[in-house]
Amino acid sequence: MAQREKKRGGSMSAKLQRLVQSAAFTCYMAVLFAQPAAAATDTMWTRFSTIIADVYGQLVGISTIVAVTAAAVALLVRMISRNERAVAEATSWLKRIVVTWIVLNTLGFVVAYLQPLIQGGQYTP
């Protein structure tokens, strides 16, 4: 009798598991097929532009945090160290950090202001 209860409990669990999997699959398919209808106004290029702008925004935010942290470490080494070689290397790293951060931010500035000039494949001054 106890074995029958275990079998029933196991089969009920398998039925419940199949029901949950079917419900999840149905919801997934509904979302999958509803998305193209919602995005019908976007072209591939506008969506790509949005994604790239978002990725670039995240990159600039992360690079700013990393640059400030690395620059703080380089400045501390420069101020605290008595070794001339360490001070020279810290100064060199500080210059590299500043130049890299300026280049990353300038790329976004250039793209943001040059993109309207070449919109649609035609240059309009």
PDB file of N, CA and C in Angstrom:
ATOM      1  N   MET A   1       0.814  -1.183   0.000  1.00  0.00           N
ATOM      2  CA  MET A   1       0.000   0.000   0.000  1.00  0.00           C
ATOM      3  C   MET A   1       0.876   1.273   0.000  1.00  0.00           C
ATOM      4  N   ALA A   2       1.948   1.252   0.775  1.00  0.00           N
ATOM      5  CA  ALA A   2       2.840   2.405   0.849  1.00  0.00           C
ATOM      6  C   ALA A   2       3.531   2.632  -0.493  1.00  0.00           C
ATOM      7  N   GLN A   3       3.818   1.522  -1.209  1.00  0.00           N
ATOM      8  CA  GLN A   3       4.468   1.654  -2.505  1.00  0.00           C
ATOM      9  C   GLN A   3       3.533   2.314  -3.513  1.00  0.00           C
ATOM     10  N   ARG A   4       2.229   2.010  -3.424  1.00  0.00           N
ATOM     11  CA  ARG A   4       1.259   2.645  -4.325  1.00  0.00           C
ATOM     12  C   ARG A   4       1.197   4.152  -4.077  1.00  0.00           C
ATOM     13  N   GLU A   5       1.255   4.551  -2.813  1.00  0.00           N
ATOM     14  CA  GLU A   5       1.210   5.970  -2.489  1.00  0.00           C
ATOM     15  C   GLU A   5       2.449   6.681  -3.045  1.00  0.00           C
ATOM     16  N   LYS A   6       3.614   6.012  -2.940  1.00  0.00           N
ATOM     17  CA  LYS A   6       4.828   6.612  -3.465  1.00  0.00           C
ATOM     18  C   LYS A   6       4.739   6.765  -4.975  1.00  0.00           C
ATOM     19  N   LYS A   7       4.194   5.729  -5.641  1.00  0.00           N
ATOM     20  CA  LYS A   7       4.065   5.795  -7.090  1.00  0.00           C
ATOM     21  C   LYS A   7       3.116   6.906  -7.494  1.00  0.00           C
ATOM     22  N   ARG A   8       1.996   7.008  -6.771  1.00  0.00           N
ATOM     23  CA  ARG A   8       1.031   8.056  -7.095  1.00  0.00           C
ATOM     24  C   ARG A   8       1.640   9.436  -6.859  1.00  0.00           C
ATOM     25  N   GLY A   9       2.350   9.570  -5.739  1.00  0.00           N
ATOM     26  CA  GLY A   9       2.997  10.854  -5.445  1.00  0.00           C
ATOM     27  C   GLY A   9       4.031  11.187  -6.499  1.00  0.00           C
ATOM     28  N   GLY A  10       4.778  10.195  -6.937  1.00  0.00           N
ATOM     29  CA  GLY A  10       5.772  10.408  -7.975  1.00  0.00           C
ATOM     30  C   GLY A  10       5.125  10.753  -9.292  1.00  0.00           C
ATOM     31  N   SER A  11       4.054  10.072  -9.649  1.00  0.00           N
ATOM     32  CA  SER A  11       3.386  10.367 -10.910  1.00  0.00           C
ATOM     33  C   SER A  11       2.684  11.717 -10.859  1.00  0.00           C
ATOM     34  N   MET A  12       2.159  12.090  -9.709  1.00  0.00           N
ATOM     35  CA  MET A  12       1.544  13.406  -9.574  1.00  0.00           C
ATOM     36  C   MET A  12       2.610  14.486  -9.712  1.00  0.00           C
ATOM     37  N   SER A  13       3.774  14.197  -9.166  1.00  0.00           N
ATOM     38  CA  SER A  13       4.861  15.154  -9.285  1.00  0.00           C
ATOM     39  C   SER A  13       5.281  15.305 -10.745  1.00  0.00           C
ATOM     40  N   ALA A  14       5.336  14.197 -11.477  1.00  0.00           N
ATOM     41  CA  ALA A  14       5.698  14.254 -12.892  1.00  0.00           C
ATOM     42  C   ALA A  14       4.629  14.983 -13.687  1.00  0.00           C
ATOM     43  N   LYS A  15       3.358  14.759 -13.350  1.00  0.00           N
ATOM     44  CA  LYS A  15       2.266  15.472 -14.036  1.00  0.00           C
ATOM     45  C   LYS A  15       2.339  16.962 -13.745  1.00  0.00           C
ATOM     46  N   LEU A  16       2.591  17.290 -12.486  1.00  0.00           N
ATOM     47  CA  LEU A  16       2.701  18.702 -12.117  1.00  0.00           C
ATOM     48  C   LEU A  16       3.897  19.342 -12.815  1.00  0.00           C
ATOM     49  N   GLN A  17       4.992  18.608 -12.895  1.00  0.00           N
ATOM     50  CA  GLN A  17       6.178  19.122 -13.569  1.00  0.00           C
ATOM     51  C   GLN A  17       5.907  19.359 -15.055  1.00  0.00           C
ATOM     52  N   ARG A  18       5.225  18.434 -15.712  1.00  0.00           N
ATOM     53  CA  ARG A  18       4.881  18.628 -17.125  1.00  0.00           C
ATOM     54  C   ARG A  18       3.945  19.811 -17.305  1.00  0.00           C
ATOM     55  N   LEU A  19       3.009  19.987 -16.368  1.00  0.00           N
ATOM     56  CA  LEU A  19       2.079  21.110 -16.446  1.00  0.00           C
ATOM     57  C   LEU A  19       2.823  22.441 -16.321  1.00  0.00           C
ATOM     58  N   VAL A  20       3.751  22.508 -15.385  1.00  0.00           N
ATOM     59  CA  VAL A  20       4.529  23.739 -15.196  1.00  0.00           C
ATOM     60  C   VAL A  20       5.410  24.007 -16.417  1.00  0.00           C
ATOM     61  N   GLN A  21       6.029  22.951 -16.963  1.00  0.00           N
ATOM     62  CA  GLN A  21       6.854  23.121 -18.153  1.00  0.00           C
ATOM     63  C   GLN A  21       6.018  23.579 -19.344  1.00  0.00           C
ATOM     64  N   SER A  22       4.829  23.018 -19.489  1.00  0.00           N
ATOM     65  CA  SER A  22       3.945  23.430 -20.587  1.00  0.00           C
ATOM     66  C   SER A  22       3.522  24.881 -20.436  1.00  0.00           C
ATOM     67  N   ALA A  23       3.197  25.285 -19.209  1.00  0.00           N
ATOM     68  CA  ALA A  23       2.796  26.672 -18.971  1.00  0.00           C
ATOM     69  C   ALA A  23       3.965  27.627 -19.258  1.00  0.00           C
ATOM     70  N   ALA A  24       5.170  27.256 -18.820  1.00  0.00           N
ATOM     71  CA  ALA A  24       6.334  28.105 -19.070  1.00  0.00           C
ATOM     72  C   ALA A  24       6.630  28.197 -20.564  1.00  0.00           C
ATOM     73  N   PHE A  25       6.521  27.070 -21.267  1.00  0.00           N
ATOM     74  CA  PHE A  25       6.755  27.064 -22.705  1.00  0.00           C
ATOM     75  C   PHE A  25       5.717  27.933 -23.429  1.00  0.00           C
ATOM     76  N   THR A  26       4.472  27.847 -23.001  1.00  0.00           N
ATOM     77  CA  THR A  26       3.415  28.656 -23.614  1.00  0.00           C
ATOM     78  C   THR A  26       3.680  30.145 -23.406  1.00  0.00           C
ATOM     79  N   CYS A  27       4.073  30.528 -22.197  1.00  0.00           N
ATOM     80  CA  CYS A  27       4.373  31.942 -21.928  1.00  0.00           C
ATOM     81  C   CYS A  27       5.570  32.408 -22.750  1.00  0.00           C
ATOM     82  N   TYR A  28       6.588  31.568 -22.842  1.00  0.00           N
ATOM     83  CA  TYR A  28       7.770  31.913 -23.618  1.00  0.00           C
ATOM     84  C   TYR A  28       7.415  32.121 -25.084  1.00  0.00           C
ATOM     85  N   MET A  29       6.620  31.227 -25.645  1.00  0.00           N
ATOM     86  CA  MET A  29       6.240  31.345 -27.054  1.00  0.00           C
ATOM     87  C   MET A  29       5.369  32.584 -27.282  1.00  0.00           C
ATOM     88  N   ALA A  30       4.495  32.905 -26.329  1.00  0.00           N
ATOM     89  CA  ALA A  30       3.661  34.101 -26.463  1.00  0.00           C
ATOM     90  C   ALA A  30       4.529  35.358 -26.508  1.00  0.00           C
ATOM     91  N   VAL A  31       5.539  35.424 -25.640  1.00  0.00           N
ATOM     92  CA  VAL A  31       6.440  36.573 -25.628  1.00  0.00           C
ATOM     93  C   VAL A  31       7.271  36.606 -26.911  1.00  0.00           C
ATOM     94  N   LEU A  32       7.731  35.457 -27.343  1.00  0.00           N
ATOM     95  CA  LEU A  32       8.561  35.372 -28.541  1.00  0.00           C
ATOM     96  C   LEU A  32       7.813  35.845 -29.779  1.00  0.00           C
ATOM     97  N   PHE A  33       6.559  35.450 -29.911  1.00  0.00           N
ATOM     98  CA  PHE A  33       5.800  35.842 -31.098  1.00  0.00           C
ATOM     99  C   PHE A  33       5.196  37.231 -30.975  1.00  0.00           C
ATOM    100  N   ALA A  34       5.047  37.752 -29.785  1.00  0.00           N
ATOM    101  CA  ALA A  34       4.486  39.093 -29.610  1.00  0.00           C
ATOM    102  C   ALA A  34       5.544  40.167 -29.819  1.00  0.00           C
ATOM    103  N   GLN A  35       6.805  39.854 -29.610  1.00  0.00           N
ATOM    104  CA  GLN A  35       7.864  40.850 -29.707  1.00  0.00           C
ATOM    105  C   GLN A  35       8.021  41.445 -31.100  1.00  0.00           C
ATOM    106  N   PRO A  36       8.035  40.661 -32.186  1.00  0.00           N
ATOM    107  CA  PRO A  36       8.183  41.289 -33.500  1.00  0.00           C
ATOM    108  C   PRO A  36       7.038  42.250 -33.829  1.00  0.00           C
ATOM    109  N   ALA A  37       5.848  41.974 -33.360  1.00  0.00           N
ATOM    110  CA  ALA A  37       4.734  42.872 -33.617  1.00  0.00           C
ATOM    111  C   ALA A  37       4.928  44.190 -32.869  1.00  0.00           C
ATOM    112  N   ALA A  38       5.480  44.130 -31.677  1.00  0.00           N
ATOM    113  CA  ALA A  38       5.710  45.344 -30.901  1.00  0.00           C
ATOM    114  C   ALA A  38       6.858  46.156 -31.486  1.00  0.00           C
ATOM    115  N   ALA A  39       7.820  45.504 -32.116  1.00  0.00           N
ATOM    116  CA  ALA A  39       8.987  46.198 -32.652  1.00  0.00           C
ATOM    117  C   ALA A  39       8.888  46.429 -34.154  1.00  0.00           C
ATOM    118  N   ALA A  40       7.684  46.422 -34.703  1.00  0.00           N
ATOM    119  CA  ALA A  40       7.515  46.556 -36.146  1.00  0.00           C
ATOM    120  C   ALA A  40       7.931  47.936 -36.641  1.00  0.00           C
ATOM    121  N   THR A  41       7.889  48.953 -35.787  1.00  0.00           N
ATOM    122  CA  THR A  41       8.248  50.297 -36.224  1.00  0.00           C
ATOM    123  C   THR A  41       9.760  50.494 -36.282  1.00  0.00           C
ATOM    124  N   ASP A  42      10.513  49.694 -35.556  1.00  0.00           N
ATOM    125  CA  ASP A  42      11.969  49.807 -35.560  1.00  0.00           C
ATOM    126  C   ASP A  42      12.561  49.071 -36.759  1.00  0.00           C
ATOM    127  N   THR A  43      13.582  49.665 -37.331  1.00  0.00           N
ATOM    128  CA  THR A  43      14.351  48.948 -38.340  1.00  0.00           C
ATOM    129  C   THR A  43      15.548  48.312 -37.640  1.00  0.00           C
ATOM    130  N   MET A  44      16.245  47.492 -38.372  1.00  0.00           N
ATOM    131  CA  MET A  44      17.419  46.847 -37.804  1.00  0.00           C
ATOM    132  C   MET A  44      18.462  47.887 -37.393  1.00  0.00           C
ATOM    133  N   TRP A  45      18.588  48.946 -38.163  1.00  0.00           N
ATOM    134  CA  TRP A  45      19.623  49.941 -37.904  1.00  0.00           C
ATOM    135  C   TRP A  45      19.282  50.821 -36.715  1.00  0.00           C
ATOM    136  N   THR A  46      18.015  51.171 -36.530  1.00  0.00           N
ATOM    137  CA  THR A  46      17.658  51.969 -35.355  1.00  0.00           C
ATOM    138  C   THR A  46      17.837  51.153 -34.081  1.00  0.00           C
ATOM    139  N   ARG A  47      17.494  49.881 -34.150  1.00  0.00           N
ATOM    140  CA  ARG A  47      17.684  49.008 -32.984  1.00  0.00           C
ATOM    141  C   ARG A  47      19.179  48.843 -32.693  1.00  0.00           C
ATOM    142  N   PHE A  48      19.986  48.650 -33.743  1.00  0.00           N
ATOM    143  CA  PHE A  48      21.430  48.522 -33.588  1.00  0.00           C
ATOM    144  C   PHE A  48      22.021  49.791 -32.987  1.00  0.00           C
ATOM    145  N   SER A  49      21.563  50.928 -33.458  1.00  0.00           N
ATOM    146  CA  SER A  49      22.054  52.203 -32.946  1.00  0.00           C
ATOM    147  C   SER A  49      21.712  52.361 -31.467  1.00  0.00           C
ATOM    148  N   THR A  50      20.515  51.953 -31.078  1.00  0.00           N
ATOM    149  CA  THR A  50      20.107  52.025 -29.680  1.00  0.00           C
ATOM    150  C   THR A  50      20.972  51.117 -28.812  1.00  0.00           C
ATOM    151  N   ILE A  51      21.224  49.910 -29.294  1.00  0.00           N
ATOM    152  CA  ILE A  51      22.035  48.965 -28.524  1.00  0.00           C
ATOM    153  C   ILE A  51      23.463  49.474 -28.377  1.00  0.00           C
ATOM    154  N   ILE A  52      24.040  49.973 -29.465  1.00  0.00           N
ATOM    155  CA  ILE A  52      25.414  50.483 -29.413  1.00  0.00           C
ATOM    156  C   ILE A  52      25.508  51.694 -28.482  1.00  0.00           C
ATOM    157  N   ALA A  53      24.524  52.578 -28.526  1.00  0.00           N
ATOM    158  CA  ALA A  53      24.527  53.742 -27.637  1.00  0.00           C
ATOM    159  C   ALA A  53      24.460  53.301 -26.179  1.00  0.00           C
ATOM    160  N   ASP A  54      23.657  52.290 -25.892  1.00  0.00           N
ATOM    161  CA  ASP A  54      23.548  51.783 -24.527  1.00  0.00           C
ATOM    162  C   ASP A  54      24.857  51.143 -24.079  1.00  0.00           C
ATOM    163  N   VAL A  55      25.452  50.335 -24.942  1.00  0.00           N
ATOM    164  CA  VAL A  55      26.728  49.684 -24.602  1.00  0.00           C
ATOM    165  C   VAL A  55      27.809  50.736 -24.393  1.00  0.00           C
ATOM    166  N   TYR A  56      27.853  51.751 -25.262  1.00  0.00           N
ATOM    167  CA  TYR A  56      28.854  52.798 -25.124  1.00  0.00           C
ATOM    168  C   TYR A  56      28.652  53.575 -23.820  1.00  0.00           C
ATOM    169  N   GLY A  57      27.398  53.848 -23.478  1.00  0.00           N
ATOM    170  CA  GLY A  57      27.114  54.548 -22.221  1.00  0.00           C
ATOM    171  C   GLY A  57      27.597  53.758 -21.013  1.00  0.00           C
ATOM    172  N   GLN A  58      27.361  52.446 -21.046  1.00  0.00           N
ATOM    173  CA  GLN A  58      27.852  51.604 -19.956  1.00  0.00           C
ATOM    174  C   GLN A  58      29.376  51.574 -19.930  1.00  0.00           C
ATOM    175  N   LEU A  59      29.991  51.512 -21.104  1.00  0.00           N
ATOM    176  CA  LEU A  59      31.455  51.484 -21.190  1.00  0.00           C
ATOM    177  C   LEU A  59      32.068  52.761 -20.630  1.00  0.00           C
ATOM    178  N   VAL A  60      31.488  53.895 -20.963  1.00  0.00           N
ATOM    179  CA  VAL A  60      32.019  55.169 -20.469  1.00  0.00           C
ATOM    180  C   VAL A  60      31.857  55.260 -18.955  1.00  0.00           C
ATOM    181  N   GLY A  61      30.713  54.797 -18.448  1.00  0.00           N
ATOM    182  CA  GLY A  61      30.512  54.818 -16.996  1.00  0.00           C
ATOM    183  C   GLY A  61      31.512  53.944 -16.263  1.00  0.00           C
ATOM    184  N   ILE A  62      31.716  52.740 -16.759  1.00  0.00           N
ATOM    185  CA  ILE A  62      32.658  51.821 -16.126  1.00  0.00           C
ATOM    186  C   ILE A  62      34.088  52.345 -16.270  1.00  0.00           C
ATOM    187  N   SER A  63      34.425  52.860 -17.461  1.00  0.00           N
ATOM    188  CA  SER A  63      35.793  53.350 -17.661  1.00  0.00           C
ATOM    189  C   SER A  63      36.088  54.556 -16.777  1.00  0.00           C
ATOM    190  N   THR A  64      35.094  55.376 -16.518  1.00  0.00           N
ATOM    191  CA  THR A  64      35.301  56.528 -15.637  1.00  0.00           C
ATOM    192  C   THR A  64      35.614  56.065 -14.219  1.00  0.00           C
ATOM    193  N   ILE A  65      34.871  55.093 -13.745  1.00  0.00           N
ATOM    194  CA  ILE A  65      35.113  54.571 -12.389  1.00  0.00           C
ATOM    195  C   ILE A  65      36.499  53.941 -12.301  1.00  0.00           C
ATOM    196  N   VAL A  66      36.853  53.134 -13.307  1.00  0.00           N
ATOM    197  CA  VAL A  66      38.162  52.483 -13.311  1.00  0.00           C
ATOM    198  C   VAL A  66      39.273  53.521 -13.429  1.00  0.00           C
ATOM    199  N   ALA A  67      39.081  54.530 -14.273  1.00  0.00           N
ATOM    200  CA  ALA A  67      40.105  55.556 -14.457  1.00  0.00           C
ATOM    201  C   ALA A  67      40.329  56.351 -13.171  1.00  0.00           C
ATOM    202  N   VAL A  68      39.262  56.700 -12.493  1.00  0.00           N
ATOM    203  CA  VAL A  68      39.406  57.456 -11.240  1.00  0.00           C
ATOM    204  C   VAL A  68      40.116  56.613 -10.185  1.00  0.00           C
ATOM    205  N   THR A  69      39.746  55.335 -10.100  1.00  0.00           N
ATOM    206  CA  THR A  69      40.397  54.458  -9.117  1.00  0.00           C
ATOM    207  C   THR A  69      41.879  54.277  -9.435  1.00  0.00           C
ATOM    208  N   ALA A  70      42.197  53.990 -10.685  1.00  0.00           N
ATOM    209  CA  ALA A  70      43.600  53.789 -11.069  1.00  0.00           C
ATOM    210  C   ALA A  70      44.394  55.082 -10.919  1.00  0.00           C
ATOM    211  N   ALA A  71      43.789  56.208 -11.264  1.00  0.00           N
ATOM    212  CA  ALA A  71      44.486  57.484 -11.118  1.00  0.00           C
ATOM    213  C   ALA A  71      44.736  57.797  -9.644  1.00  0.00           C
ATOM    214  N   ALA A  72      43.799  57.454  -8.776  1.00  0.00           N
ATOM    215  CA  ALA A  72      44.001  57.680  -7.344  1.00  0.00           C
ATOM    216  C   ALA A  72      45.161  56.837  -6.822  1.00  0.00           C
ATOM    217  N   VAL A  73      45.236  55.581  -7.264  1.00  0.00           N
ATOM    218  CA  VAL A  73      46.353  54.718  -6.853  1.00  0.00           C
ATOM    219  C   VAL A  73      47.672  55.290  -7.379  1.00  0.00           C
ATOM    220  N   ALA A  74      47.690  55.710  -8.641  1.00  0.00           N
ATOM    221  CA  ALA A  74      48.924  56.268  -9.217  1.00  0.00           C
ATOM    222  C   ALA A  74      49.345  57.540  -8.474  1.00  0.00           C
ATOM    223  N   LEU A  75      48.379  58.381  -8.125  1.00  0.00           N
ATOM    224  CA  LEU A  75      48.712  59.601  -7.387  1.00  0.00           C
ATOM    225  C   LEU A  75      49.237  59.285  -6.000  1.00  0.00           C
ATOM    226  N   LEU A  76      48.634  58.290  -5.347  1.00  0.00           N
ATOM    227  CA  LEU A  76      49.130  57.891  -4.024  1.00  0.00           C
ATOM    228  C   LEU A  76      50.559  57.363  -4.101  1.00  0.00           C
ATOM    229  N   VAL A  77      50.828  56.526  -5.101  1.00  0.00           N
ATOM    230  CA  VAL A  77      52.196  56.010  -5.267  1.00  0.00           C
ATOM    231  C   VAL A  77      53.150  57.159  -5.539  1.00  0.00           C
ATOM    232  N   ARG A  78      52.708  58.096  -6.322  1.00  0.00           N
ATOM    233  CA  ARG A  78      53.547  59.250  -6.671  1.00  0.00           C
ATOM    234  C   ARG A  78      53.852  60.112  -5.445  1.00  0.00           C
ATOM    235  N   MET A  79      52.856  60.287  -4.580  1.00  0.00           N
ATOM    236  CA  MET A  79      53.051  61.140  -3.400  1.00  0.00           C
ATOM    237  C   MET A  79      53.793  60.431  -2.273  1.00  0.00           C
ATOM    238  N   ILE A  80      53.551  59.130  -2.103  1.00  0.00           N
ATOM    239  CA  ILE A  80      54.091  58.420  -0.943  1.00  0.00           C
ATOM    240  C   ILE A  80      55.469  57.829  -1.205  1.00  0.00           C
ATOM    241  N   SER A  81      55.704  57.363  -2.421  1.00  0.00           N
ATOM    242  CA  SER A  81      56.932  56.626  -2.701  1.00  0.00           C
ATOM    243  C   SER A  81      58.157  57.529  -2.649  1.00  0.00           C
ATOM    244  N   ARG A  82      59.235  56.932  -2.149  1.00  0.00           N
ATOM    245  CA  ARG A  82      60.522  57.642  -2.134  1.00  0.00           C
ATOM    246  C   ARG A  82      61.427  57.149  -3.241  1.00  0.00           C
ATOM    247  N   ASN A  83      60.982  56.106  -3.928  1.00  0.00           N
ATOM    248  CA  ASN A  83      61.755  55.531  -5.010  1.00  0.00           C
ATOM    249  C   ASN A  83      61.483  56.324  -6.287  1.00  0.00           C
ATOM    250  N   GLU A  84      62.528  56.860  -6.897  1.00  0.00           N
ATOM    251  CA  GLU A  84      62.362  57.684  -8.100  1.00  0.00           C
ATOM    252  C   GLU A  84      61.785  56.891  -9.268  1.00  0.00           C
ATOM    253  N   ARG A  85      62.169  55.628  -9.371  1.00  0.00           N
ATOM    254  CA  ARG A  85      61.651  54.796 -10.462  1.00  0.00           C
ATOM    255  C   ARG A  85      60.145  54.568 -10.316  1.00  0.00           C
ATOM    256  N   ALA A  86      59.688  54.320  -9.090  1.00  0.00           N
ATOM    257  CA  ALA A  86      58.253  54.130  -8.848  1.00  0.00           C
ATOM    258  C   ALA A  86      57.472  55.407  -9.133  1.00  0.00           C
ATOM    259  N   VAL A  87      58.051  56.550  -8.785  1.00  0.00           N
ATOM    260  CA  VAL A  87      57.395  57.838  -9.053  1.00  0.00           C
ATOM    261  C   VAL A  87      57.291  58.074 -10.556  1.00  0.00           C
ATOM    262  N   ALA A  88      58.349  57.750 -11.285  1.00  0.00           N
ATOM    263  CA  ALA A  88      58.334  57.927 -12.741  1.00  0.00           C
ATOM    264  C   ALA A  88      57.312  56.997 -13.395  1.00  0.00           C
ATOM    265  N   GLU A  89      57.245  55.755 -12.924  1.00  0.00           N
ATOM    266  CA  GLU A  89      56.259  54.824 -13.484  1.00  0.00           C
ATOM    267  C   GLU A  89      54.837  55.247 -13.146  1.00  0.00           C
ATOM    268  N   ALA A  90      54.623  55.743 -11.934  1.00  0.00           N
ATOM    269  CA  ALA A  90      53.296  56.216 -11.552  1.00  0.00           C
ATOM    270  C   ALA A  90      52.888  57.413 -12.404  1.00  0.00           C
ATOM    271  N   THR A  91      53.819  58.305 -12.672  1.00  0.00           N
ATOM    272  CA  THR A  91      53.534  59.452 -13.535  1.00  0.00           C
ATOM    273  C   THR A  91      53.204  58.994 -14.950  1.00  0.00           C
ATOM    274  N   SER A  92      53.946  58.025 -15.444  1.00  0.00           N
ATOM    275  CA  SER A  92      53.682  57.477 -16.772  1.00  0.00           C
ATOM    276  C   SER A  92      52.297  56.828 -16.836  1.00  0.00           C
ATOM    277  N   TRP A  93      51.954  56.055 -15.811  1.00  0.00           N
ATOM    278  CA  TRP A  93      50.624  55.427 -15.776  1.00  0.00           C
ATOM    279  C   TRP A  93      49.526  56.483 -15.687  1.00  0.00           C
ATOM    280  N   LEU A  94      49.754  57.520 -14.929  1.00  0.00           N
ATOM    281  CA  LEU A  94      48.763  58.590 -14.805  1.00  0.00           C
ATOM    282  C   LEU A  94      48.505  59.260 -16.153  1.00  0.00           C
ATOM    283  N   LYS A  95      49.564  59.499 -16.919  1.00  0.00           N
ATOM    284  CA  LYS A  95      49.401  60.077 -18.262  1.00  0.00           C
ATOM    285  C   LYS A  95      48.619  59.143 -19.168  1.00  0.00           C
ATOM    286  N   ARG A  96      48.935  57.846 -19.127  1.00  0.00           N
ATOM    287  CA  ARG A  96      48.216  56.868 -19.957  1.00  0.00           C
ATOM    288  C   ARG A  96      46.744  56.791 -19.598  1.00  0.00           C
ATOM    289  N   ILE A  97      46.444  56.818 -18.314  1.00  0.00           N
ATOM    290  CA  ILE A  97      45.049  56.743 -17.856  1.00  0.00           C
ATOM    291  C   ILE A  97      44.267  57.947 -18.357  1.00  0.00           C
ATOM    292  N   VAL A  98      44.837  59.129 -18.217  1.00  0.00           N
ATOM    293  CA  VAL A  98      44.149  60.357 -18.640  1.00  0.00           C
ATOM    294  C   VAL A  98      43.931  60.369 -20.153  1.00  0.00           C
ATOM    295  N   VAL A  99      44.950  59.986 -20.915  1.00  0.00           N
ATOM    296  CA  VAL A  99      44.832  59.982 -22.374  1.00  0.00           C
ATOM    297  C   VAL A  99      43.771  58.973 -22.827  1.00  0.00           C
ATOM    298  N   THR A 100      43.786  57.783 -22.245  1.00  0.00           N
ATOM    299  CA  THR A 100      42.811  56.762 -22.620  1.00  0.00           C
ATOM    300  C   THR A 100      41.389  57.209 -22.294  1.00  0.00           C
ATOM    301  N   TRP A 101      41.210  57.809 -21.130  1.00  0.00           N
ATOM    302  CA  TRP A 101      39.874  58.272 -20.747  1.00  0.00           C
ATOM    303  C   TRP A 101      39.392  59.386 -21.689  1.00  0.00           C
ATOM    304  N   ILE A 102      40.280  60.289 -22.051  1.00  0.00           N
ATOM    305  CA  ILE A 102      39.916  61.369 -22.981  1.00  0.00           C
ATOM    306  C   ILE A 102      39.547  60.796 -24.346  1.00  0.00           C
ATOM    307  N   VAL A 103      40.308  59.818 -24.825  1.00  0.00           N
ATOM    308  CA  VAL A 103      40.012  59.211 -26.133  1.00  0.00           C
ATOM    309  C   VAL A 103      38.639  58.529 -26.111  1.00  0.00           C
ATOM    310  N   LEU A 104      38.346  57.756 -25.068  1.00  0.00           N
ATOM    311  CA  LEU A 104      37.040  57.077 -24.989  1.00  0.00           C
ATOM    312  C   LEU A 104      35.884  58.069 -24.978  1.00  0.00           C
ATOM    313  N   ASN A 105      36.024  59.142 -24.226  1.00  0.00           N
ATOM    314  CA  ASN A 105      34.941  60.124 -24.173  1.00  0.00           C
ATOM    315  C   ASN A 105      34.849  60.944 -25.452  1.00  0.00           C
ATOM    316  N   THR A 106      35.965  61.192 -26.110  1.00  0.00           N
ATOM    317  CA  THR A 106      35.945  61.940 -27.362  1.00  0.00           C
ATOM    318  C   THR A 106      35.273  61.147 -28.471  1.00  0.00           C
ATOM    319  N   LEU A 107      35.447  59.821 -28.471  1.00  0.00           N
ATOM    320  CA  LEU A 107      34.778  58.994 -29.485  1.00  0.00           C
ATOM    321  C   LEU A 107      33.270  59.169 -29.440  1.00  0.00           C
ATOM    322  N   GLY A 108      32.704  59.148 -28.257  1.00  0.00           N
ATOM    323  CA  GLY A 108      31.265  59.350 -28.118  1.00  0.00           C
ATOM    324  C   GLY A 108      30.841  60.733 -28.563  1.00  0.00           C
ATOM    325  N   PHE A 109      31.634  61.738 -28.233  1.00  0.00           N
ATOM    326  CA  PHE A 109      31.341  63.110 -28.636  1.00  0.00           C
ATOM    327  C   PHE A 109      31.359  63.242 -30.160  1.00  0.00           C
ATOM    328  N   VAL A 110      32.354  62.655 -30.793  1.00  0.00           N
ATOM    329  CA  VAL A 110      32.492  62.744 -32.252  1.00  0.00           C
ATOM    330  C   VAL A 110      31.320  62.036 -32.927  1.00  0.00           C
ATOM    331  N   VAL A 111      30.992  60.838 -32.454  1.00  0.00           N
ATOM    332  CA  VAL A 111      29.887  60.088 -33.063  1.00  0.00           C
ATOM    333  C   VAL A 111      28.566  60.822 -32.862  1.00  0.00           C
ATOM    334  N   ALA A 112      28.364  61.385 -31.694  1.00  0.00           N
ATOM    335  CA  ALA A 112      27.100  62.081 -31.416  1.00  0.00           C
ATOM    336  C   ALA A 112      26.914  63.309 -32.301  1.00  0.00           C
ATOM    337  N   TYR A 113      28.001  64.026 -32.606  1.00  0.00           N
ATOM    338  CA  TYR A 113      27.868  65.244 -33.385  1.00  0.00           C
ATOM    339  C   TYR A 113      28.111  65.060 -34.878  1.00  0.00           C
ATOM    340  N   LEU A 114      28.788  63.984 -35.273  1.00  0.00           N
ATOM    341  CA  LEU A 114      28.984  63.738 -36.703  1.00  0.00           C
ATOM    342  C   LEU A 114      27.872  62.892 -37.311  1.00  0.00           C
ATOM    343  N   GLN A 115      27.176  62.131 -36.497  1.00  0.00           N
ATOM    344  CA  GLN A 115      26.112  61.272 -37.024  1.00  0.00           C
ATOM    345  C   GLN A 115      25.019  62.076 -37.740  1.00  0.00           C
ATOM    346  N   PRO A 116      24.535  63.190 -37.197  1.00  0.00           N
ATOM    347  CA  PRO A 116      23.519  63.952 -37.940  1.00  0.00           C
ATOM    348  C   PRO A 116      24.021  64.493 -39.276  1.00  0.00           C
ATOM    349  N   LEU A 117      25.327  64.738 -39.394  1.00  0.00           N
ATOM    350  CA  LEU A 117      25.864  65.251 -40.651  1.00  0.00           C
ATOM    351  C   LEU A 117      25.797  64.223 -41.773  1.00  0.00           C
ATOM    352  N   ILE A 118      25.934  62.955 -41.439  1.00  0.00           N
ATOM    353  CA  ILE A 118      25.945  61.915 -42.466  1.00  0.00           C
ATOM    354  C   ILE A 118      24.690  61.046 -42.420  1.00  0.00           C
ATOM    355  N   GLN A 119      23.648  61.537 -41.812  1.00  0.00           N
ATOM    356  CA  GLN A 119      22.382  60.811 -41.693  1.00  0.00           C
ATOM    357  C   GLN A 119      21.821  60.511 -43.095  1.00  0.00           C
ATOM    358  N   GLY A 120      21.432  59.295 -43.314  1.00  0.00           N
ATOM    359  CA  GLY A 120      20.815  58.916 -44.583  1.00  0.00           C
ATOM    360  C   GLY A 120      21.805  58.736 -45.718  1.00  0.00           C
ATOM    361  N   GLY A 121      23.086  58.732 -45.447  1.00  0.00           N
ATOM    362  CA  GLY A 121      24.088  58.508 -46.486  1.00  0.00           C
ATOM    363  C   GLY A 121      24.403  59.743 -47.308  1.00  0.00           C
ATOM    364  N   GLN A 122      23.838  60.884 -46.964  1.00  0.00           N
ATOM    365  CA  GLN A 122      24.111  62.109 -47.703  1.00  0.00           C
ATOM    366  C   GLN A 122      24.643  63.157 -46.758  1.00  0.00           C
ATOM    367  N   TYR A 123      25.697  63.786 -47.169  1.00  0.00           N
ATOM    368  CA  TYR A 123      26.283  64.846 -46.355  1.00  0.00           C
ATOM    369  C   TYR A 123      25.508  66.132 -46.602  1.00  0.00           C
ATOM    370  N   THR A 124      25.022  66.729 -45.504  1.00  0.00           N
ATOM    371  CA  THR A 124      24.300  67.997 -45.633  1.00  0.00           C
ATOM    372  C   THR A 124      24.952  68.989 -44.677  1.00  0.00           C
ATOM    373  N   PRO A 125      25.712  69.944 -45.204  1.00  0.00           N
ATOM    374  CA  PRO A 125      26.420  70.904 -44.332  1.00  0.00           C
ATOM    375  C   PRO A 125      25.472  71.873 -43.668  1.00  0.00           C
TER     376      PRO A 125
END
